PDB file of N, CA and C in Angstrom:
ATOM      1  N   MET A   1       0.857  -1.141  -0.019  1.00  0.00           N
ATOM      2  CA  MET A   1      -0.003  -0.014  -0.001  1.00  0.00           C
ATOM      3  C   MET A   1       0.909   1.229  -0.022  1.00  0.00           C
ATOM      4  N   LEU A   2       0.577   2.177  -0.883  1.00  0.00           N
ATOM      5  CA  LEU A   2       1.262   3.461  -0.920  1.00  0.00           C
ATOM      6  C   LEU A   2       0.345   4.520  -0.343  1.00  0.00           C
ATOM      7  N   VAL A   3       0.858   5.290   0.592  1.00  0.00           N
ATOM      8  CA  VAL A   3       0.044   6.330   1.238  1.00  0.00           C
ATOM      9  C   VAL A   3       0.738   7.693   1.118  1.00  0.00           C
ATOM     10  N   HIS A   4      -0.063   8.693   0.765  1.00  0.00           N
ATOM     11  CA  HIS A   4       0.427  10.065   0.743  1.00  0.00           C
ATOM     12  C   HIS A   4      -0.455  10.888   1.694  1.00  0.00           C
ATOM     13  N   VAL A   5       0.203  11.417   2.730  1.00  0.00           N
ATOM     14  CA  VAL A   5      -0.525  12.229   3.731  1.00  0.00           C
ATOM     15  C   VAL A   5      -0.269  13.708   3.438  1.00  0.00           C
ATOM     16  N   ASP A   6      -1.347  14.411   3.427  1.00  0.00           N
ATOM     17  CA  ASP A   6      -1.254  15.901   3.204  1.00  0.00           C
ATOM     18  C   ASP A   6      -2.125  16.590   4.262  1.00  0.00           C
ATOM     19  N   GLY A   7      -1.579  16.839   5.420  1.00  0.00           N
ATOM     20  CA  GLY A   7      -2.334  17.422   6.503  1.00  0.00           C
ATOM     21  C   GLY A   7      -3.337  16.485   7.061  1.00  0.00           C
ATOM     22  N   GLU A   8      -4.624  16.872   6.932  1.00  0.00           N
ATOM     23  CA  GLU A   8      -5.709  16.058   7.465  1.00  0.00           C
ATOM     24  C   GLU A   8      -6.391  15.197   6.419  1.00  0.00           C
ATOM     25  N   ARG A   9      -5.726  15.078   5.270  1.00  0.00           N
ATOM     26  CA  ARG A   9      -6.238  14.229   4.178  1.00  0.00           C
ATOM     27  C   ARG A   9      -5.116  13.286   3.775  1.00  0.00           C
ATOM     28  N   ALA A  10      -5.528  12.089   3.355  1.00  0.00           N
ATOM     29  CA  ALA A  10      -4.561  11.102   2.890  1.00  0.00           C
ATOM     30  C   ALA A  10      -5.154  10.379   1.655  1.00  0.00           C
ATOM     31  N   LYS A  11      -4.283   9.999   0.737  1.00  0.00           N
ATOM     32  CA  LYS A  11      -4.652   9.161  -0.393  1.00  0.00           C
ATOM     33  C   LYS A  11      -3.825   7.903  -0.349  1.00  0.00           C
ATOM     34  N   ALA A  12      -4.439   6.737  -0.676  1.00  0.00           N
ATOM     35  CA  ALA A  12      -3.735   5.494  -0.651  1.00  0.00           C
ATOM     36  C   ALA A  12      -4.124   4.666  -1.833  1.00  0.00           C
ATOM     37  N   THR A  13      -3.187   3.875  -2.380  1.00  0.00           N
ATOM     38  CA  THR A  13      -3.450   2.978  -3.477  1.00  0.00           C
ATOM     39  C   THR A  13      -2.797   1.609  -3.108  1.00  0.00           C
ATOM     40  N   ALA A  14      -3.434   0.535  -3.627  1.00  0.00           N
ATOM     41  CA  ALA A  14      -2.924  -0.806  -3.371  1.00  0.00           C
ATOM     42  C   ALA A  14      -3.366  -1.735  -4.442  1.00  0.00           C
ATOM     43  N   ASN A  15      -2.582  -2.771  -4.663  1.00  0.00           N
ATOM     44  CA  ASN A  15      -2.931  -3.898  -5.513  1.00  0.00           C
ATOM     45  C   ASN A  15      -3.332  -5.072  -4.623  1.00  0.00           C
ATOM     46  N   GLN A  16      -4.352  -5.805  -5.063  1.00  0.00           N
ATOM     47  CA  GLN A  16      -4.819  -6.942  -4.236  1.00  0.00           C
ATOM     48  C   GLN A  16      -4.955  -8.165  -5.124  1.00  0.00           C
ATOM     49  N   LEU A  17      -4.612  -9.343  -4.550  1.00  0.00           N
ATOM     50  CA  LEU A  17      -4.782 -10.604  -5.262  1.00  0.00           C
ATOM     51  C   LEU A  17      -5.851 -11.376  -4.442  1.00  0.00           C
ATOM     52  N   VAL A  18      -6.921 -11.799  -5.146  1.00  0.00           N
ATOM     53  CA  VAL A  18      -8.073 -12.414  -4.500  1.00  0.00           C
ATOM     54  C   VAL A  18      -8.185 -13.849  -4.985  1.00  0.00           C
ATOM     55  N   TYR A  19      -8.365 -14.784  -4.029  1.00  0.00           N
ATOM     56  CA  TYR A  19      -8.578 -16.206  -4.335  1.00  0.00           C
ATOM     57  C   TYR A  19     -10.001 -16.555  -3.953  1.00  0.00           C
ATOM     58  N   PHE A  20     -10.704 -17.204  -4.883  1.00  0.00           N
ATOM     59  CA  PHE A  20     -12.096 -17.635  -4.627  1.00  0.00           C
ATOM     60  C   PHE A  20     -12.049 -19.127  -4.361  1.00  0.00           C
ATOM     61  N   TYR A  21     -12.662 -19.544  -3.225  1.00  0.00           N
ATOM     62  CA  TYR A  21     -12.677 -20.919  -2.795  1.00  0.00           C
ATOM     63  C   TYR A  21     -14.134 -21.432  -2.679  1.00  0.00           C
ATOM     64  N   ARG A  22     -14.275 -22.760  -2.773  1.00  0.00           N
ATOM     65  CA  ARG A  22     -15.458 -23.445  -2.378  1.00  0.00           C
ATOM     66  C   ARG A  22     -15.057 -24.382  -1.269  1.00  0.00           C
ATOM     67  N   ASP A  23     -15.896 -24.689  -0.341  1.00  0.00           N
ATOM     68  CA  ASP A  23     -15.558 -25.495   0.813  1.00  0.00           C
ATOM     69  C   ASP A  23     -14.844 -26.787   0.382  1.00  0.00           C
ATOM     70  N   GLY A  24     -13.667 -27.038   0.981  1.00  0.00           N
ATOM     71  CA  GLY A  24     -12.938 -28.241   0.755  1.00  0.00           C
ATOM     72  C   GLY A  24     -12.246 -28.356  -0.581  1.00  0.00           C
ATOM     73  N   GLU A  25     -12.205 -27.332  -1.427  1.00  0.00           N
ATOM     74  CA  GLU A  25     -11.593 -27.375  -2.754  1.00  0.00           C
ATOM     75  C   GLU A  25     -10.527 -26.302  -2.859  1.00  0.00           C
ATOM     76  N   PRO A  26      -9.577 -26.528  -3.782  1.00  0.00           N
ATOM     77  CA  PRO A  26      -8.557 -25.470  -4.050  1.00  0.00           C
ATOM     78  C   PRO A  26      -9.223 -24.286  -4.695  1.00  0.00           C
ATOM     79  N   PRO A  27      -8.512 -23.163  -4.806  1.00  0.00           N
ATOM     80  CA  PRO A  27      -9.167 -21.998  -5.448  1.00  0.00           C
ATOM     81  C   PRO A  27      -9.612 -22.327  -6.892  1.00  0.00           C
ATOM     82  N   HIS A  28     -10.805 -21.848  -7.221  1.00  0.00           N
ATOM     83  CA  HIS A  28     -11.303 -22.081  -8.579  1.00  0.00           C
ATOM     84  C   HIS A  28     -11.247 -20.800  -9.460  1.00  0.00           C
ATOM     85  N   ARG A  29     -10.884 -19.685  -8.826  1.00  0.00           N
ATOM     86  CA  ARG A  29     -10.779 -18.463  -9.602  1.00  0.00           C
ATOM     87  C   ARG A  29      -9.870 -17.494  -8.848  1.00  0.00           C
ATOM     88  N   THR A  30      -9.110 -16.706  -9.549  1.00  0.00           N
ATOM     89  CA  THR A  30      -8.290 -15.615  -8.956  1.00  0.00           C
ATOM     90  C   THR A  30      -8.573 -14.343  -9.710  1.00  0.00           C
ATOM     91  N   SER A  31      -8.384 -13.249  -8.991  1.00  0.00           N
ATOM     92  CA  SER A  31      -8.559 -11.926  -9.589  1.00  0.00           C
ATOM     93  C   SER A  31      -7.567 -10.950  -9.071  1.00  0.00           C
ATOM     94  N   GLY A  32      -7.230  -9.937  -9.839  1.00  0.00           N
ATOM     95  CA  GLY A  32      -6.388  -8.892  -9.391  1.00  0.00           C
ATOM     96  C   GLY A  32      -7.208  -7.618  -9.315  1.00  0.00           C
ATOM     97  N   LEU A  33      -7.092  -6.925  -8.210  1.00  0.00           N
ATOM     98  CA  LEU A  33      -7.851  -5.677  -8.014  1.00  0.00           C
ATOM     99  C   LEU A  33      -6.873  -4.517  -7.752  1.00  0.00           C
ATOM    100  N   ARG A  34      -7.305  -3.356  -8.111  1.00  0.00           N
ATOM    101  CA  ARG A  34      -6.610  -2.094  -7.839  1.00  0.00           C
ATOM    102  C   ARG A  34      -7.505  -1.263  -6.954  1.00  0.00           C
ATOM    103  N   SER A  35      -7.074  -0.863  -5.802  1.00  0.00           N
ATOM    104  CA  SER A  35      -7.929  -0.014  -4.953  1.00  0.00           C
ATOM    105  C   SER A  35      -7.246   1.310  -4.706  1.00  0.00           C
ATOM    106  N   ALA A  36      -8.100   2.319  -4.615  1.00  0.00           N
ATOM    107  CA  ALA A  36      -7.659   3.691  -4.319  1.00  0.00           C
ATOM    108  C   ALA A  36      -8.623   4.281  -3.348  1.00  0.00           C
ATOM    109  N   CYS A  37      -8.132   4.960  -2.286  1.00  0.00           N
ATOM    110  CA  CYS A  37      -9.015   5.541  -1.339  1.00  0.00           C
ATOM    111  C   CYS A  37      -8.493   6.900  -0.833  1.00  0.00           C
ATOM    112  N   THR A  38      -9.453   7.605  -0.264  1.00  0.00           N
ATOM    113  CA  THR A  38      -9.150   8.880   0.359  1.00  0.00           C
ATOM    114  C   THR A  38      -9.662   8.803   1.816  1.00  0.00           C
ATOM    115  N   ALA A  39      -8.836   9.313   2.716  1.00  0.00           N
ATOM    116  CA  ALA A  39      -9.221   9.312   4.127  1.00  0.00           C
ATOM    117  C   ALA A  39      -9.077  10.730   4.691  1.00  0.00           C
ATOM    118  N   VAL A  40      -9.867  11.029   5.691  1.00  0.00           N
ATOM    119  CA  VAL A  40      -9.792  12.318   6.368  1.00  0.00           C
ATOM    120  C   VAL A  40      -9.578  12.103   7.886  1.00  0.00           C
ATOM    121  N   LEU A  41      -8.837  12.969   8.474  1.00  0.00           N
ATOM    122  CA  LEU A  41      -8.614  12.892   9.919  1.00  0.00           C
ATOM    123  C   LEU A  41      -9.778  13.578  10.655  1.00  0.00           C
ATOM    124  N   THR A  42     -10.466  12.849  11.492  1.00  0.00           N
ATOM    125  CA  THR A  42     -11.576  13.397  12.265  1.00  0.00           C
ATOM    126  C   THR A  42     -11.181  13.358  13.744  1.00  0.00           C
ATOM    127  N   SER A  43     -12.042  13.864  14.598  1.00  0.00           N
ATOM    128  CA  SER A  43     -11.808  13.798  16.044  1.00  0.00           C
ATOM    129  C   SER A  43     -11.768  12.351  16.561  1.00  0.00           C
ATOM    130  N   ALA A  44     -12.367  11.413  15.805  1.00  0.00           N
ATOM    131  CA  ALA A  44     -12.373  10.005  16.174  1.00  0.00           C
ATOM    132  C   ALA A  44     -11.221   9.267  15.497  1.00  0.00           C
ATOM    133  N   GLY A  45     -10.391   9.927  14.725  1.00  0.00           N
ATOM    134  CA  GLY A  45      -9.270   9.302  14.035  1.00  0.00           C
ATOM    135  C   GLY A  45      -9.483   9.311  12.527  1.00  0.00           C
ATOM    136  N   TRP A  46      -8.655   8.574  11.797  1.00  0.00           N
ATOM    137  CA  TRP A  46      -8.727   8.516  10.357  1.00  0.00           C
ATOM    138  C   TRP A  46      -9.968   7.749   9.919  1.00  0.00           C
ATOM    139  N   ARG A  47     -10.704   8.296   8.953  1.00  0.00           N
ATOM    140  CA  ARG A  47     -11.889   7.640   8.403  1.00  0.00           C
ATOM    141  C   ARG A  47     -11.861   7.747   6.868  1.00  0.00           C
ATOM    142  N   PHE A  48     -12.277   6.667   6.205  1.00  0.00           N
ATOM    143  CA  PHE A  48     -12.378   6.665   4.743  1.00  0.00           C
ATOM    144  C   PHE A  48     -13.503   7.607   4.316  1.00  0.00           C
ATOM    145  N   SER A  49     -13.216   8.434   3.324  1.00  0.00           N
ATOM    146  CA  SER A  49     -14.259   9.296   2.775  1.00  0.00           C
ATOM    147  C   SER A  49     -14.615   8.840   1.342  1.00  0.00           C
ATOM    148  N   GLU A  50     -13.773   8.086   0.733  1.00  0.00           N
ATOM    149  CA  GLU A  50     -14.015   7.567  -0.638  1.00  0.00           C
ATOM    150  C   GLU A  50     -13.177   6.328  -0.851  1.00  0.00           C
ATOM    151  N   MET A  51     -13.742   5.346  -1.543  1.00  0.00           N
ATOM    152  CA  MET A  51     -12.952   4.136  -1.916  1.00  0.00           C
ATOM    153  C   MET A  51     -13.421   3.658  -3.280  1.00  0.00           C
ATOM    154  N   ARG A  52     -12.450   3.308  -4.111  1.00  0.00           N
ATOM    155  CA  ARG A  52     -12.754   2.828  -5.455  1.00  0.00           C
ATOM    156  C   ARG A  52     -11.954   1.559  -5.671  1.00  0.00           C
ATOM    157  N   ILE A  53     -12.645   0.501  -6.086  1.00  0.00           N
ATOM    158  CA  ILE A  53     -12.025  -0.809  -6.391  1.00  0.00           C
ATOM    159  C   ILE A  53     -12.266  -1.141  -7.845  1.00  0.00           C
ATOM    160  N   THR A  54     -11.183  -1.430  -8.567  1.00  0.00           N
ATOM    161  CA  THR A  54     -11.293  -1.691  -9.984  1.00  0.00           C
ATOM    162  C   THR A  54     -10.760  -3.110 -10.272  1.00  0.00           C
ATOM    163  N   LEU A  55     -11.513  -3.880 -11.027  1.00  0.00           N
ATOM    164  CA  LEU A  55     -11.034  -5.205 -11.447  1.00  0.00           C
ATOM    165  C   LEU A  55     -10.006  -5.019 -12.502  1.00  0.00           C
ATOM    166  N   ALA A  56      -8.814  -5.549 -12.247  1.00  0.00           N
ATOM    167  CA  ALA A  56      -7.709  -5.471 -13.230  1.00  0.00           C
ATOM    168  C   ALA A  56      -7.689  -6.673 -14.132  1.00  0.00           C
ATOM    169  N   TRP A  57      -7.929  -7.857 -13.595  1.00  0.00           N
ATOM    170  CA  TRP A  57      -7.942  -9.078 -14.373  1.00  0.00           C
ATOM    171  C   TRP A  57      -8.626 -10.191 -13.586  1.00  0.00           C
ATOM    172  N   THR A  58      -9.019 -11.238 -14.306  1.00  0.00           N
ATOM    173  CA  THR A  58      -9.590 -12.422 -13.639  1.00  0.00           C
ATOM    174  C   THR A  58      -9.136 -13.685 -14.403  1.00  0.00           C
ATOM    175  N   GLN A  59      -8.990 -14.773 -13.632  1.00  0.00           N
ATOM    176  CA  GLN A  59      -8.562 -16.047 -14.249  1.00  0.00           C
ATOM    177  C   GLN A  59      -9.390 -17.144 -13.652  1.00  0.00           C
ATOM    178  N   GLY A  60      -9.965 -18.004 -14.466  1.00  0.00           N
ATOM    179  CA  GLY A  60     -10.768 -19.110 -13.994  1.00  0.00           C
ATOM    180  C   GLY A  60     -12.033 -19.197 -14.777  1.00  0.00           C
ATOM    181  N   PRO A  61     -12.874 -20.167 -14.493  1.00  0.00           N
ATOM    182  CA  PRO A  61     -14.109 -20.363 -15.253  1.00  0.00           C
ATOM    183  C   PRO A  61     -15.027 -19.162 -15.071  1.00  0.00           C
ATOM    184  N   PRO A  62     -15.790 -18.807 -16.126  1.00  0.00           N
ATOM    185  CA  PRO A  62     -16.749 -17.689 -16.021  1.00  0.00           C
ATOM    186  C   PRO A  62     -17.854 -17.996 -15.048  1.00  0.00           C
ATOM    187  N   ARG A  63     -18.329 -16.971 -14.418  1.00  0.00           N
ATOM    188  CA  ARG A  63     -19.434 -17.115 -13.501  1.00  0.00           C
ATOM    189  C   ARG A  63     -20.772 -17.132 -14.265  1.00  0.00           C
ATOM    190  N   VAL A  64     -21.667 -18.067 -13.968  1.00  0.00           N
ATOM    191  CA  VAL A  64     -22.972 -18.151 -14.588  1.00  0.00           C
ATOM    192  C   VAL A  64     -24.015 -17.506 -13.689  1.00  0.00           C
ATOM    193  N   VAL A  65     -24.690 -16.490 -14.178  1.00  0.00           N
ATOM    194  CA  VAL A  65     -25.723 -15.828 -13.359  1.00  0.00           C
ATOM    195  C   VAL A  65     -27.065 -16.162 -13.932  1.00  0.00           C
ATOM    196  N   PRO A  66     -28.004 -16.665 -13.088  1.00  0.00           N
ATOM    197  CA  PRO A  66     -29.359 -16.969 -13.572  1.00  0.00           C
ATOM    198  C   PRO A  66     -30.056 -15.737 -14.082  1.00  0.00           C
ATOM    199  N   ALA A  67     -30.922 -15.876 -15.084  1.00  0.00           N
ATOM    200  CA  ALA A  67     -31.764 -14.744 -15.590  1.00  0.00           C
ATOM    201  C   ALA A  67     -32.711 -14.354 -14.454  1.00  0.00           C
ATOM    202  N   PRO A  68     -33.028 -13.058 -14.331  1.00  0.00           N
ATOM    203  CA  PRO A  68     -33.843 -12.592 -13.241  1.00  0.00           C
ATOM    204  C   PRO A  68     -35.201 -13.341 -13.228  1.00  0.00           C
ATOM    205  N   GLY A  69     -35.562 -13.819 -12.044  1.00  0.00           N
ATOM    206  CA  GLY A  69     -36.876 -14.437 -11.839  1.00  0.00           C
ATOM    207  C   GLY A  69     -37.059 -15.856 -12.295  1.00  0.00           C
ATOM    208  N   THR A  70     -35.976 -16.467 -12.889  1.00  0.00           N
ATOM    209  CA  THR A  70     -36.124 -17.787 -13.450  1.00  0.00           C
ATOM    210  C   THR A  70     -35.274 -18.823 -12.789  1.00  0.00           C
ATOM    211  N   GLY A  71     -34.130 -18.484 -12.326  1.00  0.00           N
ATOM    212  CA  GLY A  71     -33.199 -19.407 -11.769  1.00  0.00           C
ATOM    213  C   GLY A  71     -32.491 -20.203 -12.859  1.00  0.00           C
ATOM    214  N   ASP A  72     -32.817 -19.933 -14.148  1.00  0.00           N
ATOM    215  CA  ASP A  72     -32.231 -20.613 -15.306  1.00  0.00           C
ATOM    216  C   ASP A  72     -31.231 -19.702 -15.967  1.00  0.00           C
ATOM    217  N   PRO A  73     -29.896 -20.072 -16.005  1.00  0.00           N
ATOM    218  CA  PRO A  73     -28.905 -19.202 -16.623  1.00  0.00           C
ATOM    219  C   PRO A  73     -29.066 -19.055 -18.140  1.00  0.00           C
ATOM    220  N   GLY A  74     -29.890 -19.879 -18.775  1.00  0.00           N
ATOM    221  CA  GLY A  74     -30.035 -19.780 -20.226  1.00  0.00           C
ATOM    222  C   GLY A  74     -31.113 -18.865 -20.695  1.00  0.00           C
ATOM    223  N   GLU A  75     -31.939 -18.343 -19.787  1.00  0.00           N
ATOM    224  CA  GLU A  75     -33.047 -17.507 -20.211  1.00  0.00           C
ATOM    225  C   GLU A  75     -32.677 -16.049 -20.268  1.00  0.00           C
TER     226      GLU A  75
END
């Protein structure tokens, strides 16, 4: 994570590697994410004011999403 503090505001960026698991199985999908956030210093400490997460890449089988209201991915 890279952080740049400017007074009571800070900006941070990070790369993330995500593994998707099913119970008892090895990872079936991996993804790379890029996150960027802004934080502000409050009386309660540092708090996020904005966060953005962007999918950089994905590897593994495609996800099948059922058509709305049917439960059938083909409709």
